[in-house]
C-alpha atoms as a PDB file:
ATOM      1  CA  MET A   1     -15.254   7.076   3.687  1.00  0.00           C
ATOM      2  CA  GLU A   2     -12.347   7.686   1.313  1.00  0.00           C
ATOM      3  CA  LEU A   3     -11.308   5.677  -1.713  1.00  0.00           C
ATOM      4  CA  GLY A   4      -7.808   4.519  -2.597  1.00  0.00           C
ATOM      5  CA  LEU A   5      -7.343   3.538  -6.231  1.00  0.00           C
ATOM      6  CA  HIS A   6      -5.322   0.323  -6.539  1.00  0.00           C
ATOM      7  CA  PHE A   7      -3.994  -0.239 -10.066  1.00  0.00           C
ATOM      8  CA  ILE A   8      -2.808  -3.814 -10.561  1.00  0.00           C
ATOM      9  CA  ASP A   9      -3.083  -4.444 -14.301  1.00  0.00           C
ATOM     10  CA  PHE A  10      -0.771  -2.905 -16.895  1.00  0.00           C
ATOM     11  CA  LEU A  11      -2.739  -4.345 -19.807  1.00  0.00           C
ATOM     12  CA  PRO A  12      -1.145  -6.563 -22.450  1.00  0.00           C
ATOM     13  CA  GLY A  13      -0.404  -4.583 -25.583  1.00  0.00           C
ATOM     14  CA  ASP A  14       1.825  -1.809 -26.844  1.00  0.00           C
ATOM     15  CA  PRO A  15       4.467  -0.876 -24.218  1.00  0.00           C
ATOM     16  CA  ALA A  16       4.317   2.700 -25.510  1.00  0.00           C
ATOM     17  CA  ARG A  17       0.751   2.947 -24.174  1.00  0.00           C
ATOM     18  CA  LEU A  18       1.562   1.813 -20.637  1.00  0.00           C
ATOM     19  CA  GLY A  19       2.813   5.191 -19.431  1.00  0.00           C
ATOM     20  CA  PRO A  20      -0.036   7.268 -20.849  1.00  0.00           C
ATOM     21  CA  THR A  21      -2.647   4.793 -19.568  1.00  0.00           C
ATOM     22  CA  LEU A  22      -1.133   4.798 -16.083  1.00  0.00           C
ATOM     23  CA  ALA A  23      -0.932   8.600 -16.065  1.00  0.00           C
ATOM     24  CA  ASP A  24      -4.518   8.970 -17.252  1.00  0.00           C
ATOM     25  CA  ALA A  25      -5.721   6.571 -14.551  1.00  0.00           C
ATOM     26  CA  ALA A  26      -3.918   8.487 -11.795  1.00  0.00           C
ATOM     27  CA  LYS A  27      -5.193  11.831 -13.069  1.00  0.00           C
ATOM     28  CA  ALA A  28      -8.740  10.480 -13.282  1.00  0.00           C
ATOM     29  CA  ALA A  29      -8.471   9.126  -9.723  1.00  0.00           C
ATOM     30  CA  GLU A  30      -7.271  12.485  -8.428  1.00  0.00           C
ATOM     31  CA  GLN A  31      -9.894  14.448 -10.334  1.00  0.00           C
ATOM     32  CA  GLY A  32     -12.613  12.035  -9.204  1.00  0.00           C
ATOM     33  CA  GLY A  33     -11.842  12.512  -5.508  1.00  0.00           C
ATOM     34  CA  ALA A  34      -9.694   9.493  -4.643  1.00  0.00           C
ATOM     35  CA  THR A  35      -7.123  10.362  -1.986  1.00  0.00           C
ATOM     36  CA  LEU A  36      -4.573   7.582  -2.566  1.00  0.00           C
ATOM     37  CA  PHE A  37      -3.147   5.903  -5.681  1.00  0.00           C
ATOM     38  CA  THR A  38      -1.367   2.597  -5.166  1.00  0.00           C
ATOM     39  CA  LEU A  39       0.502   0.041  -7.231  1.00  0.00           C
ATOM     40  CA  ALA A  40       1.526  -3.493  -6.335  1.00  0.00           C
ATOM     41  CA  ASP A  41       5.196  -4.150  -5.585  1.00  0.00           C
ATOM     42  CA  HIS A  42       5.848  -6.991  -7.991  1.00  0.00           C
ATOM     43  CA  PHE A  43       7.936  -7.699 -11.057  1.00  0.00           C
ATOM     44  CA  PHE A  44       5.609 -10.376 -12.492  1.00  0.00           C
ATOM     45  CA  GLN A  45       1.821 -10.315 -12.589  1.00  0.00           C
ATOM     46  CA  MET A  46       0.354 -12.279  -9.683  1.00  0.00           C
ATOM     47  CA  GLU A  47      -0.663 -15.732 -10.873  1.00  0.00           C
ATOM     48  CA  GLU A  48      -4.177 -15.582  -9.434  1.00  0.00           C
ATOM     49  CA  LEU A  49      -4.821 -12.487 -11.559  1.00  0.00           C
ATOM     50  CA  GLY A  50      -3.103 -13.332 -14.829  1.00  0.00           C
ATOM     51  CA  PRO A  51      -0.065 -14.898 -16.512  1.00  0.00           C
ATOM     52  CA  ALA A  52       3.318 -14.001 -15.070  1.00  0.00           C
ATOM     53  CA  GLN A  53       4.267 -12.884 -18.591  1.00  0.00           C
ATOM     54  CA  ASP A  54       1.711 -10.053 -18.581  1.00  0.00           C
ATOM     55  CA  PRO A  55       3.302  -6.586 -18.564  1.00  0.00           C
ATOM     56  CA  PHE A  56       4.250  -5.334 -15.099  1.00  0.00           C
ATOM     57  CA  LEU A  57       6.201  -2.181 -14.262  1.00  0.00           C
ATOM     58  CA  GLU A  58       8.545  -1.648 -11.309  1.00  0.00           C
ATOM     59  CA  GLY A  59       6.669   0.164  -8.581  1.00  0.00           C
ATOM     60  CA  TYR A  60       8.805   3.029  -7.294  1.00  0.00           C
ATOM     61  CA  THR A  61       9.906   4.094 -10.776  1.00  0.00           C
ATOM     62  CA  SER A  62       6.238   4.202 -11.725  1.00  0.00           C
ATOM     63  CA  LEU A  63       5.310   6.233  -8.634  1.00  0.00           C
ATOM     64  CA  GLY A  64       8.019   8.762  -9.478  1.00  0.00           C
ATOM     65  CA  PHE A  65       6.510   9.084 -12.934  1.00  0.00           C
ATOM     66  CA  LEU A  66       3.061   9.573 -11.417  1.00  0.00           C
ATOM     67  CA  ALA A  67       4.319  12.209  -8.996  1.00  0.00           C
ATOM     68  CA  ALA A  68       4.985  14.398 -12.031  1.00  0.00           C
ATOM     69  CA  GLN A  69       1.531  13.694 -13.461  1.00  0.00           C
ATOM     70  CA  THR A  70      -0.509  14.517 -10.336  1.00  0.00           C
ATOM     71  CA  ALA A  71      -0.701  17.251  -7.714  1.00  0.00           C
ATOM     72  CA  THR A  72      -2.620  16.213  -4.610  1.00  0.00           C
ATOM     73  CA  ILE A  73      -3.157  12.465  -4.436  1.00  0.00           C
ATOM     74  CA  ASP A  74      -0.945  10.400  -2.086  1.00  0.00           C
ATOM     75  CA  LEU A  75       1.243   7.695  -3.616  1.00  0.00           C
ATOM     76  CA  THR A  76       2.511   4.363  -2.319  1.00  0.00           C
ATOM     77  CA  LEU A  77       3.018   0.695  -3.069  1.00  0.00           C
ATOM     78  CA  LEU A  78       0.457  -1.624  -1.543  1.00  0.00           C
ATOM     79  CA  VAL A  79       2.684  -2.997  -0.228  1.00  0.00           C
ATOM     80  CA  THR A  80       6.479  -2.941  -0.589  1.00  0.00           C
ATOM     81  CA  GLY A  81       7.937  -6.420  -0.226  1.00  0.00           C
ATOM     82  CA  VAL A  82      10.571  -6.220   2.490  1.00  0.00           C
ATOM     83  CA  THR A  83      12.921  -8.604   0.655  1.00  0.00           C
ATOM     84  CA  TYR A  84      13.222  -6.570  -2.539  1.00  0.00           C
ATOM     85  CA  ARG A  85      15.287  -3.575  -1.355  1.00  0.00           C
ATOM     86  CA  HIS A  86      17.846  -2.944   1.348  1.00  0.00           C
ATOM     87  CA  PRO A  87      16.096  -0.829   4.007  1.00  0.00           C
ATOM     88  CA  GLY A  88      18.586   2.041   3.782  1.00  0.00           C
ATOM     89  CA  VAL A  89      17.970   2.265   0.041  1.00  0.00           C
ATOM     90  CA  LEU A  90      14.219   1.895   0.582  1.00  0.00           C
ATOM     91  CA  ALA A  91      14.134   4.784   3.053  1.00  0.00           C
ATOM     92  CA  LYS A  92      16.046   6.961   0.585  1.00  0.00           C
ATOM     93  CA  THR A  93      13.756   5.930  -2.278  1.00  0.00           C
ATOM     94  CA  VAL A  94      10.594   6.803  -0.360  1.00  0.00           C
ATOM     95  CA  THR A  95      12.205  10.068   0.789  1.00  0.00           C
ATOM     96  CA  THR A  96      13.041  10.980  -2.804  1.00  0.00           C
ATOM     97  CA  LEU A  97       9.464  10.287  -3.855  1.00  0.00           C
ATOM     98  CA  ASP A  98       8.224  12.441  -0.982  1.00  0.00           C
ATOM     99  CA  VAL A  99      10.462  15.392  -1.859  1.00  0.00           C
ATOM    100  CA  LEU A 100       9.663  15.274  -5.577  1.00  0.00           C
ATOM    101  CA  SER A 101       5.917  14.876  -4.936  1.00  0.00           C
ATOM    102  CA  GLN A 102       5.869  17.732  -2.398  1.00  0.00           C
ATOM    103  CA  GLY A 103       5.061  15.516   0.573  1.00  0.00           C
ATOM    104  CA  ARG A 104       2.740  12.892  -0.913  1.00  0.00           C
ATOM    105  CA  SER A 105       4.618   9.625  -0.347  1.00  0.00           C
ATOM    106  CA  MET A 106       3.747   6.869   2.099  1.00  0.00           C
ATOM    107  CA  LEU A 107       5.629   3.712   3.040  1.00  0.00           C
ATOM    108  CA  GLY A 108       3.516   0.618   2.559  1.00  0.00           C
ATOM    109  CA  LEU A 109       5.358  -2.442   3.826  1.00  0.00           C
ATOM    110  CA  GLY A 110       4.809  -6.173   4.170  1.00  0.00           C
ATOM    111  CA  ALA A 111       6.737  -9.406   4.639  1.00  0.00           C
ATOM    112  CA  ALA A 112       6.663 -10.403   0.905  1.00  0.00           C
ATOM    113  CA  TRP A 113       5.148 -13.658  -0.349  1.00  0.00           C
ATOM    114  CA  TYR A 114       5.611 -14.247  -4.108  1.00  0.00           C
ATOM    115  CA  GLU A 115       8.191 -17.030  -4.039  1.00  0.00           C
ATOM    116  CA  ARG A 116       8.227 -17.615  -7.805  1.00  0.00           C
ATOM    117  CA  GLU A 117       9.263 -13.997  -8.356  1.00  0.00           C
ATOM    118  CA  HIS A 118      12.137 -14.300  -5.894  1.00  0.00           C
ATOM    119  CA  THR A 119      13.385 -17.570  -7.359  1.00  0.00           C
ATOM    120  CA  ALA A 120      13.142 -16.334 -10.939  1.00  0.00           C
ATOM    121  CA  LEU A 121      15.067 -13.124 -10.290  1.00  0.00           C
ATOM    122  CA  GLY A 122      17.585 -14.577  -7.851  1.00  0.00           C
ATOM    123  CA  ILE A 123      16.277 -12.639  -4.849  1.00  0.00           C
ATOM    124  CA  PRO A 124      16.811 -14.463  -1.549  1.00  0.00           C
ATOM    125  CA  TYR A 125      13.567 -15.750  -0.051  1.00  0.00           C
ATOM    126  CA  PRO A 126      14.169 -16.509   3.627  1.00  0.00           C
ATOM    127  CA  PRO A 127      11.684 -18.396   5.803  1.00  0.00           C
ATOM    128  CA  LEU A 128       8.650 -16.432   6.954  1.00  0.00           C
ATOM    129  CA  SER A 129      10.000 -16.014  10.476  1.00  0.00           C
ATOM    130  CA  ALA A 130      13.148 -14.362   9.106  1.00  0.00           C
ATOM    131  CA  ARG A 131      11.121 -12.132   6.775  1.00  0.00           C
ATOM    132  CA  PHE A 132       9.145 -10.838   9.741  1.00  0.00           C
ATOM    133  CA  GLU A 133      12.407 -10.105  11.558  1.00  0.00           C
ATOM    134  CA  MET A 134      13.587  -8.240   8.462  1.00  0.00           C
ATOM    135  CA  LEU A 135      10.278  -6.375   8.362  1.00  0.00           C
ATOM    136  CA  GLU A 136      10.650  -5.133  11.924  1.00  0.00           C
ATOM    137  CA  GLU A 137      14.257  -4.089  11.387  1.00  0.00           C
ATOM    138  CA  THR A 138      13.273  -2.254   8.195  1.00  0.00           C
ATOM    139  CA  LEU A 139      10.596  -0.351  10.094  1.00  0.00           C
ATOM    140  CA  GLN A 140      13.146   0.620  12.728  1.00  0.00           C
ATOM    141  CA  ILE A 141      15.704   1.710  10.139  1.00  0.00           C
ATOM    142  CA  CYS A 142      13.233   3.843   8.195  1.00  0.00           C
ATOM    143  CA  ARG A 143      12.057   5.543  11.373  1.00  0.00           C
ATOM    144  CA  GLN A 144      15.647   6.218  12.372  1.00  0.00           C
ATOM    145  CA  MET A 145      16.530   7.622   8.952  1.00  0.00           C
ATOM    146  CA  TRP A 146      13.525   9.947   9.190  1.00  0.00           C
ATOM    147  CA  SER A 147      14.727  11.347  12.504  1.00  0.00           C
ATOM    148  CA  ASP A 148      17.609  13.401  13.864  1.00  0.00           C
ATOM    149  CA  ASP A 149      19.558  10.215  14.622  1.00  0.00           C
ATOM    150  CA  ASP A 150      22.038   9.486  11.829  1.00  0.00           C
ATOM    151  CA  GLY A 151      24.098   7.060  13.879  1.00  0.00           C
ATOM    152  CA  PRO A 152      24.622   3.350  13.288  1.00  0.00           C
ATOM    153  CA  TYR A 153      21.968   0.671  13.301  1.00  0.00           C
ATOM    154  CA  GLU A 154      22.770  -2.849  14.440  1.00  0.00           C
ATOM    155  CA  GLY A 155      20.268  -5.616  13.826  1.00  0.00           C
ATOM    156  CA  ALA A 156      20.327  -9.345  13.222  1.00  0.00           C
ATOM    157  CA  HIS A 157      19.787  -8.901   9.476  1.00  0.00           C
ATOM    158  CA  TYR A 158      20.923  -5.356   8.711  1.00  0.00           C
ATOM    159  CA  ARG A 159      23.888  -3.291   9.888  1.00  0.00           C
ATOM    160  CA  LEU A 160      24.215   0.330   8.829  1.00  0.00           C
ATOM    161  CA  ALA A 161      27.293   2.337   9.817  1.00  0.00           C
ATOM    162  CA  GLU A 162      25.423   5.615   9.250  1.00  0.00           C
ATOM    163  CA  THR A 163      21.744   6.382   8.709  1.00  0.00           C
ATOM    164  CA  ILE A 164      22.163   9.691   6.905  1.00  0.00           C
ATOM    165  CA  CYS A 165      19.106  10.807   4.926  1.00  0.00           C
ATOM    166  CA  VAL A 166      19.443  14.307   3.486  1.00  0.00           C
ATOM    167  CA  PRO A 167      17.169  15.907   2.556  1.00  0.00           C
ATOM    168  CA  GLN A 168      14.638  14.688   5.037  1.00  0.00           C
ATOM    169  CA  PRO A 169      11.117  14.061   3.731  1.00  0.00           C
ATOM    170  CA  ILE A 170       8.844  17.084   3.458  1.00  0.00           C
ATOM    171  CA  ARG A 171       6.269  15.052   5.369  1.00  0.00           C
ATOM    172  CA  ARG A 172       7.476  12.081   7.348  1.00  0.00           C
ATOM    173  CA  PRO A 173       5.941   9.346   5.183  1.00  0.00           C
ATOM    174  CA  PRO A 174       3.072   7.634   7.010  1.00  0.00           C
ATOM    175  CA  ILE A 175       3.852   3.970   7.581  1.00  0.00           C
ATOM    176  CA  LEU A 176       1.242   1.521   6.338  1.00  0.00           C
ATOM    177  CA  ILE A 177       1.536  -2.151   7.220  1.00  0.00           C
ATOM    178  CA  GLY A 178      -0.546  -4.617   5.251  1.00  0.00           C
ATOM    179  CA  GLY A 179      -1.800  -7.971   6.458  1.00  0.00           C
ATOM    180  CA  ASP A 180      -3.989  -9.702   9.022  1.00  0.00           C
ATOM    181  CA  GLY A 181      -1.715 -12.135  10.859  1.00  0.00           C
ATOM    182  CA  GLU A 182      -2.673 -12.018  14.492  1.00  0.00           C
ATOM    183  CA  LYS A 183       0.615 -12.915  16.181  1.00  0.00           C
ATOM    184  CA  LYS A 184       3.174 -10.974  14.161  1.00  0.00           C
ATOM    185  CA  THR A 185       1.616  -8.578  11.651  1.00  0.00           C
ATOM    186  CA  LEU A 186      -0.886  -6.979  14.007  1.00  0.00           C
ATOM    187  CA  ARG A 187       1.770  -6.664  16.703  1.00  0.00           C
ATOM    188  CA  LEU A 188       3.942  -4.717  14.264  1.00  0.00           C
ATOM    189  CA  VAL A 189       0.942  -2.588  13.294  1.00  0.00           C
ATOM    190  CA  ALA A 190       0.361  -1.738  16.952  1.00  0.00           C
ATOM    191  CA  GLN A 191       3.989  -0.833  17.518  1.00  0.00           C
ATOM    192  CA  TYR A 192       5.006   0.924  14.298  1.00  0.00           C
ATOM    193  CA  ALA A 193       2.157   1.727  11.898  1.00  0.00           C
ATOM    194  CA  ASP A 194       0.233   4.888  11.231  1.00  0.00           C
ATOM    195  CA  ILE A 195      -2.098   2.978   8.939  1.00  0.00           C
ATOM    196  CA  TRP A 196      -3.223  -0.649   8.821  1.00  0.00           C
ATOM    197  CA  ASN A 197      -4.475  -2.196   5.597  1.00  0.00           C
ATOM    198  CA  SER A 198      -6.533  -5.321   6.181  1.00  0.00           C
ATOM    199  CA  MET A 199      -7.281  -7.737   3.370  1.00  0.00           C
ATOM    200  CA  SER A 200     -10.165  -9.439   5.169  1.00  0.00           C
ATOM    201  CA  ASN A 201     -13.298  -9.549   3.013  1.00  0.00           C
ATOM    202  CA  ASP A 202     -15.526 -10.775   5.838  1.00  0.00           C
ATOM    203  CA  VAL A 203     -16.940  -8.151   8.199  1.00  0.00           C
ATOM    204  CA  GLU A 204     -17.135 -10.495  11.199  1.00  0.00           C
ATOM    205  CA  GLU A 205     -13.564 -11.625  10.660  1.00  0.00           C
ATOM    206  CA  LEU A 206     -12.453  -7.998  10.353  1.00  0.00           C
ATOM    207  CA  ALA A 207     -14.170  -7.162  13.640  1.00  0.00           C
ATOM    208  CA  HIS A 208     -12.188  -9.970  15.281  1.00  0.00           C
ATOM    209  CA  LYS A 209      -8.916  -8.724  13.768  1.00  0.00           C
ATOM    210  CA  ILE A 210      -9.634  -5.249  15.121  1.00  0.00           C
ATOM    211  CA  ASP A 211     -10.151  -6.720  18.594  1.00  0.00           C
ATOM    212  CA  VAL A 212      -6.775  -8.473  18.289  1.00  0.00           C
ATOM    213  CA  LEU A 213      -5.138  -5.239  17.173  1.00  0.00           C
ATOM    214  CA  HIS A 214      -6.592  -3.445  20.188  1.00  0.00           C
ATOM    215  CA  ARG A 215      -5.076  -6.056  22.489  1.00  0.00           C
ATOM    216  CA  HIS A 216      -1.670  -5.572  20.869  1.00  0.00           C
ATOM    217  CA  CYS A 217      -2.055  -1.811  21.286  1.00  0.00           C
ATOM    218  CA  ASP A 218      -2.798  -2.295  24.983  1.00  0.00           C
ATOM    219  CA  ALA A 219       0.339  -4.414  25.304  1.00  0.00           C
ATOM    220  CA  VAL A 220       2.582  -1.695  23.834  1.00  0.00           C
ATOM    221  CA  GLY A 221       0.772   1.242  25.424  1.00  0.00           C
ATOM    222  CA  ARG A 222      -0.625   2.617  22.167  1.00  0.00           C
ATOM    223  CA  ASN A 223      -4.023   4.199  21.622  1.00  0.00           C
ATOM    224  CA  PRO A 224      -5.641   2.147  18.823  1.00  0.00           C
ATOM    225  CA  ALA A 225      -7.463   5.278  17.673  1.00  0.00           C
ATOM    226  CA  ASP A 226      -4.072   6.580  16.505  1.00  0.00           C
ATOM    227  CA  ILE A 227      -3.932   3.871  13.818  1.00  0.00           C
ATOM    228  CA  ARG A 228      -5.958   4.505  10.698  1.00  0.00           C
ATOM    229  CA  LYS A 229      -7.854   1.454   9.427  1.00  0.00           C
ATOM    230  CA  THR A 230      -8.093   0.852   5.686  1.00  0.00           C
ATOM    231  CA  SER A 231      -9.327  -2.158   3.770  1.00  0.00           C
ATOM    232  CA  GLY A 232      -8.377  -3.994   0.630  1.00  0.00           C
ATOM    233  CA  GLY A 233     -11.008  -6.623   1.291  1.00  0.00           C
ATOM    234  CA  LEU A 234     -13.212  -5.298  -1.494  1.00  0.00           C
ATOM    235  CA  ALA A 235     -10.369  -4.675  -3.956  1.00  0.00           C
ATOM    236  CA  THR A 236     -11.458  -7.511  -6.242  1.00  0.00           C
ATOM    237  CA  THR A 237     -15.171  -6.694  -6.007  1.00  0.00           C
ATOM    238  CA  ASP A 238     -16.654  -4.797  -8.944  1.00  0.00           C
ATOM    239  CA  PRO A 239     -18.786  -2.040  -7.380  1.00  0.00           C
ATOM    240  CA  PHE A 240     -20.719  -1.582 -10.603  1.00  0.00           C
ATOM    241  CA  GLU A 241     -22.298  -5.019 -10.435  1.00  0.00           C
ATOM    242  CA  ASN A 242     -24.612  -3.582  -7.775  1.00  0.00           C
ATOM    243  CA  ILE A 243     -23.598  -0.195  -6.398  1.00  0.00           C
ATOM    244  CA  ASP A 244     -26.278  -0.125  -3.693  1.00  0.00           C
ATOM    245  CA  GLU A 245     -25.248  -3.502  -2.275  1.00  0.00           C
ATOM    246  CA  TYR A 246     -21.596  -2.549  -2.525  1.00  0.00           C
ATOM    247  CA  LEU A 247     -22.208   0.602  -0.501  1.00  0.00           C
ATOM    248  CA  LYS A 248     -24.163  -1.342   2.116  1.00  0.00           C
ATOM    249  CA  THR A 249     -21.089  -3.542   2.605  1.00  0.00           C
ATOM    250  CA  VAL A 250     -18.898  -0.458   2.822  1.00  0.00           C
ATOM    251  CA  GLU A 251     -21.201   0.940   5.516  1.00  0.00           C
ATOM    252  CA  ARG A 252     -20.585  -2.194   7.583  1.00  0.00           C
ATOM    253  CA  TYR A 253     -16.842  -1.636   7.272  1.00  0.00           C
ATOM    254  CA  ALA A 254     -17.308   1.991   8.285  1.00  0.00           C
ATOM    255  CA  ARG A 255     -19.126   0.989  11.470  1.00  0.00           C
ATOM    256  CA  LEU A 256     -15.954  -0.897  12.464  1.00  0.00           C
ATOM    257  CA  GLY A 257     -13.853   2.237  12.040  1.00  0.00           C
ATOM    258  CA  VAL A 258     -12.538   1.669   8.516  1.00  0.00           C
ATOM    259  CA  ASP A 259     -12.252   5.009   6.726  1.00  0.00           C
ATOM    260  CA  MET A 260     -10.729   4.038   3.377  1.00  0.00           C
ATOM    261  CA  ILE A 261     -11.397   1.219   0.941  1.00  0.00           C
ATOM    262  CA  ASN A 262      -9.149   0.173  -1.922  1.00  0.00           C
ATOM    263  CA  VAL A 263     -10.682  -0.561  -5.298  1.00  0.00           C
ATOM    264  CA  GLY A 264      -9.494  -0.550  -8.881  1.00  0.00           C
ATOM    265  CA  PRO A 265      -9.944  -2.020 -12.339  1.00  0.00           C
ATOM    266  CA  LEU A 266      -9.455  -5.763 -12.363  1.00  0.00           C
ATOM    267  CA  PRO A 267      -7.098  -7.446 -14.830  1.00  0.00           C
ATOM    268  CA  GLY A 268      -8.715  -7.813 -18.205  1.00  0.00           C
ATOM    269  CA  ASN A 269     -10.772  -4.633 -17.963  1.00  0.00           C
ATOM    270  CA  PRO A 270     -10.521  -3.196 -21.495  1.00  0.00           C
ATOM    271  CA  ASP A 271     -11.008   0.393 -20.285  1.00  0.00           C
ATOM    272  CA  PRO A 272      -9.291   0.904 -16.916  1.00  0.00           C
ATOM    273  CA  VAL A 273      -9.310   4.680 -17.226  1.00  0.00           C
ATOM    274  CA  GLY A 274     -13.025   4.632 -17.948  1.00  0.00           C
ATOM    275  CA  PHE A 275     -13.517   2.472 -14.869  1.00  0.00           C
ATOM    276  CA  VAL A 276     -11.671   5.036 -12.740  1.00  0.00           C
ATOM    277  CA  ARG A 277     -13.684   7.928 -14.167  1.00  0.00           C
ATOM    278  CA  ARG A 278     -16.885   6.053 -13.434  1.00  0.00           C
ATOM    279  CA  LEU A 279     -15.774   5.605  -9.822  1.00  0.00           C
ATOM    280  CA  GLY A 280     -15.432   9.369  -9.587  1.00  0.00           C
ATOM    281  CA  ASP A 281     -18.868   9.921 -11.047  1.00  0.00           C
ATOM    282  CA  GLU A 282     -20.906   7.171  -9.384  1.00  0.00           C
ATOM    283  CA  VAL A 283     -19.133   5.798  -6.307  1.00  0.00           C
ATOM    284  CA  ILE A 284     -16.841   8.348  -4.640  1.00  0.00           C
ATOM    285  CA  PRO A 285     -19.586  10.987  -4.103  1.00  0.00           C
ATOM    286  CA  ARG A 286     -21.703   8.387  -2.309  1.00  0.00           C
ATOM    287  CA  LEU A 287     -18.757   7.114  -0.280  1.00  0.00           C
ATOM    288  CA  ALA A 288     -18.288  10.652   1.032  1.00  0.00           C
ATOM    289  CA  GLU A 289     -21.696  10.331   2.701  1.00  0.00           C
ATOM    290  CA  ILE A 290     -20.605   7.253   4.690  1.00  0.00           C
ATOM    291  CA  GLY A 291     -18.905   7.515   8.036  1.00  0.00           C
END
């Protein structure tokens, strides 16, 4: 079982400390054995985690900064909101991150949900059905831009006269789709994703979602074993409250085929870097024994 470090709190305080704290957290994650470092794709803090006025940094700029601070750990947003960037620009952004990080970028993508953020910043917020259409077209465009086909793309929401992307990524960025919706999200996972990130925090519910995903894979002729299963269901659980019980829960996820869990310091943690270092000392070595 691998660990992905999800960093969702930029700590109120001196803006001059945000960069060094973020860099130290990513370095500690890499040194401690985490294989993925993720940020949320938001411009305001999520209201269930803290005030919207709490400091929050733009995601891809931050990942570019972290690419220069690290050497081996993969980098992505968990997940990119499809409404925030035109897909041609998004594909180029992720490609740039991949080239500058020597092949360590991934594309995490979802249908977006934070309506207040959209309204505040003047970003269009279409109905959910339209956002899922945009999500599928974005997946198609990114795949086309990471191929030999630089011709036009014609969709209902996006029209690109040329899909030139030079240089190409060093490693074609793995596509991660986040979410658990049975009709639309899991169908897109089956058709397009290399990695699925479930947010279910109930093992029985997760088992059901996996069954649904398998049915979608059958429908599109895809081997479900080709899709890596990761989980953010424990992302807001503090493993240090009871490490043994935490690892027992992780073992149940592993028996379902999950091979990475996302965890990170929760908002308000006064020492996020210390939390990450403790993960490397006390949790990651034991996770390596699972699965």
